[in-house]
Amino acid sequence: MSRKNHETDYATALENEYARWDELFTKGGSDPFWTDGVNLELTRNHILYYKAQLAKQENSLFGLPEVYYRETPPEVDPNYMARPDEIRENARKAMEIIDADENLKFVREQFPSLSEQQKKQYCLPAIINYAENLRRAIAADDLIIMRRYENPEHYLESFESAAIRIRDPQSTRRINDNLTVCDPEDDEDICDDFGEECSETEQTVDEPEEDFQLRLF
């Protein structure tokens, strides 16, 4: 790769990172575990890194690209979340939809009469906990978890899937592939992992995907 092309790559990457920073700051992201503030700081590190790479290059003929001279975004509180009031309102609406869901009501009613094997095969504790997880998040004003529920369709599909299985255990092989289920023949860890998403303490998570070199800068 020529030096000119390499410089163009860094300049384009820098443009993209500025655009990402602006998007995160105004609209927020969709990271299920980390605040917008954390991701903004990572993006800021990217910007600093690409600027440093551009500055290292000998570029006397063309000069540094215009984006290089754009002001570096400020540091942001790591707890920062964009559009917090919108997230809260969407979570409230999602809670109403979930609580009114007939499939979830049916699953809850049938849960005590099912065997422990059925409960685990159908991932019922995790599925039921979807609703309680959101309820706890609203009470604790946990914007990260509440943001996961802004589009509750995925959770409604899980309730429907569970209800289908309870009504007809033989339907396992006929459920639409888009529905979230745990296959009884799958490894038991699948259901365990599925349940972790709705566990009360979601502390053991990986950092956002990040280029190691950029993370160290």
C-alpha atoms as a PDB file:
ATOM      1  CA  MET A   1       0.000   0.000   0.000  1.00  0.00           C
ATOM      2  CA  SER A   2       1.391   3.384  -0.895  1.00  0.00           C
ATOM      3  CA  ARG A   3       1.955   6.111   1.638  1.00  0.00           C
ATOM      4  CA  LYS A   4      -0.663   8.274  -0.033  1.00  0.00           C
ATOM      5  CA  ASN A   5      -3.281   5.527   0.204  1.00  0.00           C
ATOM      6  CA  HIS A   6      -2.305   4.877   3.811  1.00  0.00           C
ATOM      7  CA  GLU A   7      -2.820   8.539   4.625  1.00  0.00           C
ATOM      8  CA  THR A   8      -6.179   8.502   2.873  1.00  0.00           C
ATOM      9  CA  ASP A   9      -7.191   5.529   4.999  1.00  0.00           C
ATOM     10  CA  TYR A  10      -6.306   7.341   8.212  1.00  0.00           C
ATOM     11  CA  ALA A  11      -8.114  10.473   7.099  1.00  0.00           C
ATOM     12  CA  THR A  12     -11.223   8.479   6.223  1.00  0.00           C
ATOM     13  CA  ALA A  13     -11.033   6.596   9.502  1.00  0.00           C
ATOM     14  CA  LEU A  14     -10.761   9.911  11.331  1.00  0.00           C
ATOM     15  CA  GLU A  15     -13.833  11.253   9.531  1.00  0.00           C
ATOM     16  CA  ASN A  16     -15.725   8.100  10.488  1.00  0.00           C
ATOM     17  CA  GLU A  17     -14.738   8.393  14.147  1.00  0.00           C
ATOM     18  CA  TYR A  18     -15.865  12.013  14.326  1.00  0.00           C
ATOM     19  CA  ALA A  19     -19.187  10.986  12.799  1.00  0.00           C
ATOM     20  CA  ARG A  20     -19.480   8.140  15.303  1.00  0.00           C
ATOM     21  CA  TRP A  21     -18.714  10.469  18.210  1.00  0.00           C
ATOM     22  CA  ASP A  22     -21.381  12.934  17.076  1.00  0.00           C
ATOM     23  CA  GLU A  23     -23.905  10.115  16.666  1.00  0.00           C
ATOM     24  CA  LEU A  24     -23.164   8.639  20.080  1.00  0.00           C
ATOM     25  CA  PHE A  25     -23.330  11.988  21.815  1.00  0.00           C
ATOM     26  CA  THR A  26     -26.655  13.075  20.312  1.00  0.00           C
ATOM     27  CA  LYS A  27     -28.533   9.812  19.694  1.00  0.00           C
ATOM     28  CA  GLY A  28     -26.655   7.289  21.785  1.00  0.00           C
ATOM     29  CA  GLY A  29     -25.605   3.789  20.837  1.00  0.00           C
ATOM     30  CA  SER A  30     -27.022   0.312  21.320  1.00  0.00           C
ATOM     31  CA  ASP A  31     -24.312  -1.251  23.471  1.00  0.00           C
ATOM     32  CA  PRO A  32     -26.148  -3.639  25.839  1.00  0.00           C
ATOM     33  CA  PHE A  33     -23.612  -3.362  28.665  1.00  0.00           C
ATOM     34  CA  TRP A  34     -21.738  -0.051  28.451  1.00  0.00           C
ATOM     35  CA  THR A  35     -22.800   3.575  28.713  1.00  0.00           C
ATOM     36  CA  ASP A  36     -22.553   6.051  25.887  1.00  0.00           C
ATOM     37  CA  GLY A  37     -19.952   7.866  27.973  1.00  0.00           C
ATOM     38  CA  VAL A  38     -17.630   4.851  27.932  1.00  0.00           C
ATOM     39  CA  ASN A  39     -18.025   4.394  24.189  1.00  0.00           C
ATOM     40  CA  LEU A  40     -17.536   8.111  23.593  1.00  0.00           C
ATOM     41  CA  GLU A  41     -14.204   7.945  25.397  1.00  0.00           C
ATOM     42  CA  LEU A  42     -13.130   4.962  23.298  1.00  0.00           C
ATOM     43  CA  THR A  43     -14.116   6.838  20.155  1.00  0.00           C
ATOM     44  CA  ARG A  44     -12.192   9.864  21.357  1.00  0.00           C
ATOM     45  CA  ASN A  45      -9.143   7.634  21.791  1.00  0.00           C
ATOM     46  CA  HIS A  46      -9.569   6.505  18.196  1.00  0.00           C
ATOM     47  CA  ILE A  47      -9.598  10.104  17.064  1.00  0.00           C
ATOM     48  CA  LEU A  48      -6.404  10.863  18.980  1.00  0.00           C
ATOM     49  CA  TYR A  49      -4.781   7.756  17.579  1.00  0.00           C
ATOM     50  CA  TYR A  50      -5.600   8.517  13.946  1.00  0.00           C
ATOM     51  CA  LYS A  51      -4.448  12.096  14.365  1.00  0.00           C
ATOM     52  CA  ALA A  52      -1.153  10.862  15.756  1.00  0.00           C
ATOM     53  CA  GLN A  53      -0.725   8.481  12.843  1.00  0.00           C
ATOM     54  CA  LEU A  54      -1.372  11.237  10.342  1.00  0.00           C
ATOM     55  CA  ALA A  55       1.083  13.544  12.102  1.00  0.00           C
ATOM     56  CA  LYS A  56       3.803  10.883  11.888  1.00  0.00           C
ATOM     57  CA  GLN A  57       3.615  10.679   8.142  1.00  0.00           C
ATOM     58  CA  GLU A  58       5.776  12.834   5.955  1.00  0.00           C
ATOM     59  CA  ASN A  59       3.243  14.760   3.980  1.00  0.00           C
ATOM     60  CA  SER A  60       4.992  17.858   2.775  1.00  0.00           C
ATOM     61  CA  LEU A  61       3.418  17.616  -0.679  1.00  0.00           C
ATOM     62  CA  PHE A  62      -0.243  17.385   0.246  1.00  0.00           C
ATOM     63  CA  GLY A  63      -0.256  18.616   3.836  1.00  0.00           C
ATOM     64  CA  LEU A  64      -2.436  17.183   6.560  1.00  0.00           C
ATOM     65  CA  PRO A  65      -6.117  16.665   5.709  1.00  0.00           C
ATOM     66  CA  GLU A  66      -8.643  19.204   6.908  1.00  0.00           C
ATOM     67  CA  VAL A  67     -10.212  16.756   9.347  1.00  0.00           C
ATOM     68  CA  TYR A  68      -6.909  16.589  11.220  1.00  0.00           C
ATOM     69  CA  TYR A  69      -7.402  20.178  12.399  1.00  0.00           C
ATOM     70  CA  ARG A  70     -10.923  19.592  13.654  1.00  0.00           C
ATOM     71  CA  GLU A  71     -11.136  20.111  17.394  1.00  0.00           C
ATOM     72  CA  THR A  72     -10.811  16.896  19.389  1.00  0.00           C
ATOM     73  CA  PRO A  73     -14.066  16.087  21.197  1.00  0.00           C
ATOM     74  CA  PRO A  74     -14.054  16.783  24.941  1.00  0.00           C
ATOM     75  CA  GLU A  75     -13.880  14.106  27.581  1.00  0.00           C
ATOM     76  CA  VAL A  76     -17.334  13.011  28.700  1.00  0.00           C
ATOM     77  CA  ASP A  77     -18.569  11.690  32.034  1.00  0.00           C
ATOM     78  CA  PRO A  78     -18.376   7.884  31.770  1.00  0.00           C
ATOM     79  CA  ASN A  79     -21.935   7.667  33.113  1.00  0.00           C
ATOM     80  CA  TYR A  80     -23.288   9.842  30.297  1.00  0.00           C
ATOM     81  CA  MET A  81     -26.250   8.487  28.361  1.00  0.00           C
ATOM     82  CA  ALA A  82     -27.856  10.256  25.424  1.00  0.00           C
ATOM     83  CA  ARG A  83     -31.636  10.924  25.365  1.00  0.00           C
ATOM     84  CA  PRO A  84     -32.246   9.602  28.916  1.00  0.00           C
ATOM     85  CA  ASP A  85     -35.848  10.807  29.130  1.00  0.00           C
ATOM     86  CA  GLU A  86     -36.712   9.099  25.854  1.00  0.00           C
ATOM     87  CA  ILE A  87     -35.194   5.842  27.087  1.00  0.00           C
ATOM     88  CA  ARG A  88     -37.203   6.065  30.304  1.00  0.00           C
ATOM     89  CA  GLU A  89     -40.442   6.707  28.448  1.00  0.00           C
ATOM     90  CA  ASN A  90     -39.825   3.888  25.974  1.00  0.00           C
ATOM     91  CA  ALA A  91     -39.034   1.540  28.849  1.00  0.00           C
ATOM     92  CA  ARG A  92     -42.273   2.473  30.558  1.00  0.00           C
ATOM     93  CA  LYS A  93     -44.224   1.759  27.384  1.00  0.00           C
ATOM     94  CA  ALA A  94     -42.384  -1.522  26.883  1.00  0.00           C
ATOM     95  CA  MET A  95     -43.210  -2.541  30.452  1.00  0.00           C
ATOM     96  CA  GLU A  96     -46.896  -1.954  29.789  1.00  0.00           C
ATOM     97  CA  ILE A  97     -46.759  -4.001  26.596  1.00  0.00           C
ATOM     98  CA  ILE A  98     -44.893  -6.853  28.272  1.00  0.00           C
ATOM     99  CA  ASP A  99     -47.180  -6.950  31.312  1.00  0.00           C
ATOM    100  CA  ALA A 100     -50.228  -7.071  29.020  1.00  0.00           C
ATOM    101  CA  ASP A 101     -48.848  -9.862  26.848  1.00  0.00           C
ATOM    102  CA  GLU A 102     -51.190 -12.851  26.913  1.00  0.00           C
ATOM    103  CA  ASN A 103     -48.422 -15.336  26.127  1.00  0.00           C
ATOM    104  CA  LEU A 104     -46.374 -14.208  29.116  1.00  0.00           C
ATOM    105  CA  LYS A 105     -49.452 -14.430  31.329  1.00  0.00           C
ATOM    106  CA  PHE A 106     -50.004 -17.991  30.145  1.00  0.00           C
ATOM    107  CA  VAL A 107     -46.356 -18.931  30.755  1.00  0.00           C
ATOM    108  CA  ARG A 108     -46.524 -17.546  34.284  1.00  0.00           C
ATOM    109  CA  GLU A 109     -49.760 -19.435  35.001  1.00  0.00           C
ATOM    110  CA  GLN A 110     -48.349 -22.731  33.738  1.00  0.00           C
ATOM    111  CA  PHE A 111     -44.902 -22.400  35.248  1.00  0.00           C
ATOM    112  CA  PRO A 112     -45.684 -23.990  38.673  1.00  0.00           C
ATOM    113  CA  SER A 113     -47.170 -27.116  37.059  1.00  0.00           C
ATOM    114  CA  LEU A 114     -44.205 -27.853  34.784  1.00  0.00           C
ATOM    115  CA  SER A 115     -41.321 -30.137  35.608  1.00  0.00           C
ATOM    116  CA  GLU A 116     -37.876 -28.764  36.289  1.00  0.00           C
ATOM    117  CA  GLN A 117     -36.674 -30.352  33.059  1.00  0.00           C
ATOM    118  CA  GLN A 118     -39.388 -28.608  31.043  1.00  0.00           C
ATOM    119  CA  LYS A 119     -38.632 -25.284  32.676  1.00  0.00           C
ATOM    120  CA  LYS A 120     -34.990 -25.544  31.743  1.00  0.00           C
ATOM    121  CA  GLN A 121     -35.580 -26.926  28.248  1.00  0.00           C
ATOM    122  CA  TYR A 122     -37.974 -24.094  27.450  1.00  0.00           C
ATOM    123  CA  CYS A 123     -35.742 -21.473  29.161  1.00  0.00           C
ATOM    124  CA  LEU A 124     -38.732 -20.348  31.189  1.00  0.00           C
ATOM    125  CA  PRO A 125     -36.865 -18.782  34.131  1.00  0.00           C
ATOM    126  CA  ALA A 126     -34.921 -16.567  31.741  1.00  0.00           C
ATOM    127  CA  ILE A 127     -37.973 -15.720  29.681  1.00  0.00           C
ATOM    128  CA  ILE A 128     -40.083 -14.827  32.697  1.00  0.00           C
ATOM    129  CA  ASN A 129     -37.198 -12.799  34.055  1.00  0.00           C
ATOM    130  CA  TYR A 130     -37.236 -10.575  30.974  1.00  0.00           C
ATOM    131  CA  ALA A 131     -40.167  -8.700  32.455  1.00  0.00           C
ATOM    132  CA  GLU A 132     -38.751  -8.586  35.975  1.00  0.00           C
ATOM    133  CA  ASN A 133     -35.383  -7.426  34.687  1.00  0.00           C
ATOM    134  CA  LEU A 134     -36.994  -4.424  33.030  1.00  0.00           C
ATOM    135  CA  ARG A 135     -39.072  -3.724  36.126  1.00  0.00           C
ATOM    136  CA  ARG A 136     -35.928  -3.662  38.279  1.00  0.00           C
ATOM    137  CA  ALA A 137     -34.144  -1.463  35.765  1.00  0.00           C
ATOM    138  CA  ILE A 138     -36.967   1.078  35.809  1.00  0.00           C
ATOM    139  CA  ALA A 139     -36.972   1.129  39.594  1.00  0.00           C
ATOM    140  CA  ALA A 140     -33.183   1.591  39.671  1.00  0.00           C
ATOM    141  CA  ASP A 141     -33.197   4.044  36.749  1.00  0.00           C
ATOM    142  CA  ASP A 142     -30.712   1.793  34.944  1.00  0.00           C
ATOM    143  CA  LEU A 143     -30.666   3.387  31.501  1.00  0.00           C
ATOM    144  CA  ILE A 144     -28.381   0.751  29.971  1.00  0.00           C
ATOM    145  CA  ILE A 145     -30.805  -2.090  30.685  1.00  0.00           C
ATOM    146  CA  MET A 146     -33.871   0.013  29.886  1.00  0.00           C
ATOM    147  CA  ARG A 147     -32.414   0.816  26.472  1.00  0.00           C
ATOM    148  CA  ARG A 148     -32.385  -2.895  25.608  1.00  0.00           C
ATOM    149  CA  TYR A 149     -36.165  -2.922  25.816  1.00  0.00           C
ATOM    150  CA  GLU A 150     -36.909   0.041  23.576  1.00  0.00           C
ATOM    151  CA  ASN A 151     -37.992  -2.409  20.881  1.00  0.00           C
ATOM    152  CA  PRO A 152     -39.709  -5.197  22.848  1.00  0.00           C
ATOM    153  CA  GLU A 153     -40.612  -7.338  19.819  1.00  0.00           C
ATOM    154  CA  HIS A 154     -37.773  -9.791  20.519  1.00  0.00           C
ATOM    155  CA  TYR A 155     -39.101 -10.388  24.037  1.00  0.00           C
ATOM    156  CA  LEU A 156     -42.666 -10.798  22.812  1.00  0.00           C
ATOM    157  CA  GLU A 157     -41.441 -13.439  20.374  1.00  0.00           C
ATOM    158  CA  SER A 158     -39.769 -15.264  23.261  1.00  0.00           C
ATOM    159  CA  PHE A 159     -43.039 -15.268  25.209  1.00  0.00           C
ATOM    160  CA  GLU A 160     -44.880 -16.614  22.167  1.00  0.00           C
ATOM    161  CA  SER A 161     -42.275 -19.296  21.624  1.00  0.00           C
ATOM    162  CA  ALA A 162     -42.510 -20.452  25.242  1.00  0.00           C
ATOM    163  CA  ALA A 163     -46.296 -20.519  25.140  1.00  0.00           C
ATOM    164  CA  ILE A 164     -46.249 -22.635  21.973  1.00  0.00           C
ATOM    165  CA  ARG A 165     -43.909 -25.136  23.568  1.00  0.00           C
ATOM    166  CA  ILE A 166     -45.965 -25.433  26.713  1.00  0.00           C
ATOM    167  CA  ARG A 167     -49.183 -26.000  24.766  1.00  0.00           C
ATOM    168  CA  ASP A 168     -47.596 -28.499  22.403  1.00  0.00           C
ATOM    169  CA  PRO A 169     -44.179 -29.900  23.402  1.00  0.00           C
ATOM    170  CA  GLN A 170     -43.959 -31.603  20.012  1.00  0.00           C
ATOM    171  CA  SER A 171     -43.995 -28.193  18.354  1.00  0.00           C
ATOM    172  CA  THR A 172     -40.300 -27.739  19.109  1.00  0.00           C
ATOM    173  CA  ARG A 173     -39.315 -28.715  15.570  1.00  0.00           C
ATOM    174  CA  ARG A 174     -42.016 -26.597  13.985  1.00  0.00           C
ATOM    175  CA  ILE A 175     -41.427 -23.254  15.711  1.00  0.00           C
ATOM    176  CA  ASN A 176     -40.444 -20.440  13.403  1.00  0.00           C
ATOM    177  CA  ASP A 177     -36.671 -20.057  13.321  1.00  0.00           C
ATOM    178  CA  ASN A 178     -37.021 -16.377  14.205  1.00  0.00           C
ATOM    179  CA  LEU A 179     -38.431 -17.197  17.627  1.00  0.00           C
ATOM    180  CA  THR A 180     -35.969 -17.328  20.496  1.00  0.00           C
ATOM    181  CA  VAL A 181     -35.973 -20.810  22.019  1.00  0.00           C
ATOM    182  CA  CYS A 182     -33.572 -23.340  23.485  1.00  0.00           C
ATOM    183  CA  ASP A 183     -33.627 -26.692  21.747  1.00  0.00           C
ATOM    184  CA  PRO A 184     -33.958 -29.586  24.231  1.00  0.00           C
ATOM    185  CA  GLU A 185     -31.167 -31.399  22.403  1.00  0.00           C
ATOM    186  CA  ASP A 186     -28.792 -28.458  22.640  1.00  0.00           C
ATOM    187  CA  ASP A 187     -26.089 -28.363  25.283  1.00  0.00           C
ATOM    188  CA  GLU A 188     -27.481 -27.322  28.643  1.00  0.00           C
ATOM    189  CA  ASP A 189     -25.106 -24.376  28.726  1.00  0.00           C
ATOM    190  CA  ILE A 190     -27.140 -22.691  26.001  1.00  0.00           C
ATOM    191  CA  CYS A 191     -30.086 -22.221  28.313  1.00  0.00           C
ATOM    192  CA  ASP A 192     -27.755 -21.155  31.111  1.00  0.00           C
ATOM    193  CA  ASP A 193     -26.173 -18.527  28.895  1.00  0.00           C
ATOM    194  CA  PHE A 194     -29.602 -17.438  27.682  1.00  0.00           C
ATOM    195  CA  GLY A 195     -30.634 -16.799  31.250  1.00  0.00           C
ATOM    196  CA  GLU A 196     -27.595 -14.691  32.059  1.00  0.00           C
ATOM    197  CA  GLU A 197     -28.897 -11.842  29.951  1.00  0.00           C
ATOM    198  CA  CYS A 198     -31.702 -11.335  32.448  1.00  0.00           C
ATOM    199  CA  SER A 199     -29.778 -12.097  35.609  1.00  0.00           C
ATOM    200  CA  GLU A 200     -30.119  -9.595  38.397  1.00  0.00           C
ATOM    201  CA  THR A 201     -26.397  -8.909  38.453  1.00  0.00           C
ATOM    202  CA  GLU A 202     -24.908  -8.396  35.032  1.00  0.00           C
ATOM    203  CA  GLN A 203     -21.363  -7.615  36.075  1.00  0.00           C
ATOM    204  CA  THR A 204     -19.193 -10.113  34.214  1.00  0.00           C
ATOM    205  CA  VAL A 205     -19.141  -8.770  30.675  1.00  0.00           C
ATOM    206  CA  ASP A 206     -16.527  -8.091  28.074  1.00  0.00           C
ATOM    207  CA  GLU A 207     -15.458  -4.607  27.159  1.00  0.00           C
ATOM    208  CA  PRO A 208     -16.805  -3.171  23.904  1.00  0.00           C
ATOM    209  CA  GLU A 209     -15.017  -4.643  20.933  1.00  0.00           C
ATOM    210  CA  GLU A 210     -11.922  -2.574  20.485  1.00  0.00           C
ATOM    211  CA  ASP A 211      -8.757  -2.636  18.460  1.00  0.00           C
ATOM    212  CA  PHE A 212      -6.007  -3.365  21.008  1.00  0.00           C
ATOM    213  CA  GLN A 213      -3.634  -0.784  19.579  1.00  0.00           C
ATOM    214  CA  LEU A 214      -6.304   1.895  19.689  1.00  0.00           C
ATOM    215  CA  ARG A 215      -7.344   0.970  23.223  1.00  0.00           C
ATOM    216  CA  LEU A 216      -3.814   1.501  24.541  1.00  0.00           C
ATOM    217  CA  PHE A 217      -3.372   4.904  22.968  1.00  0.00           C
END
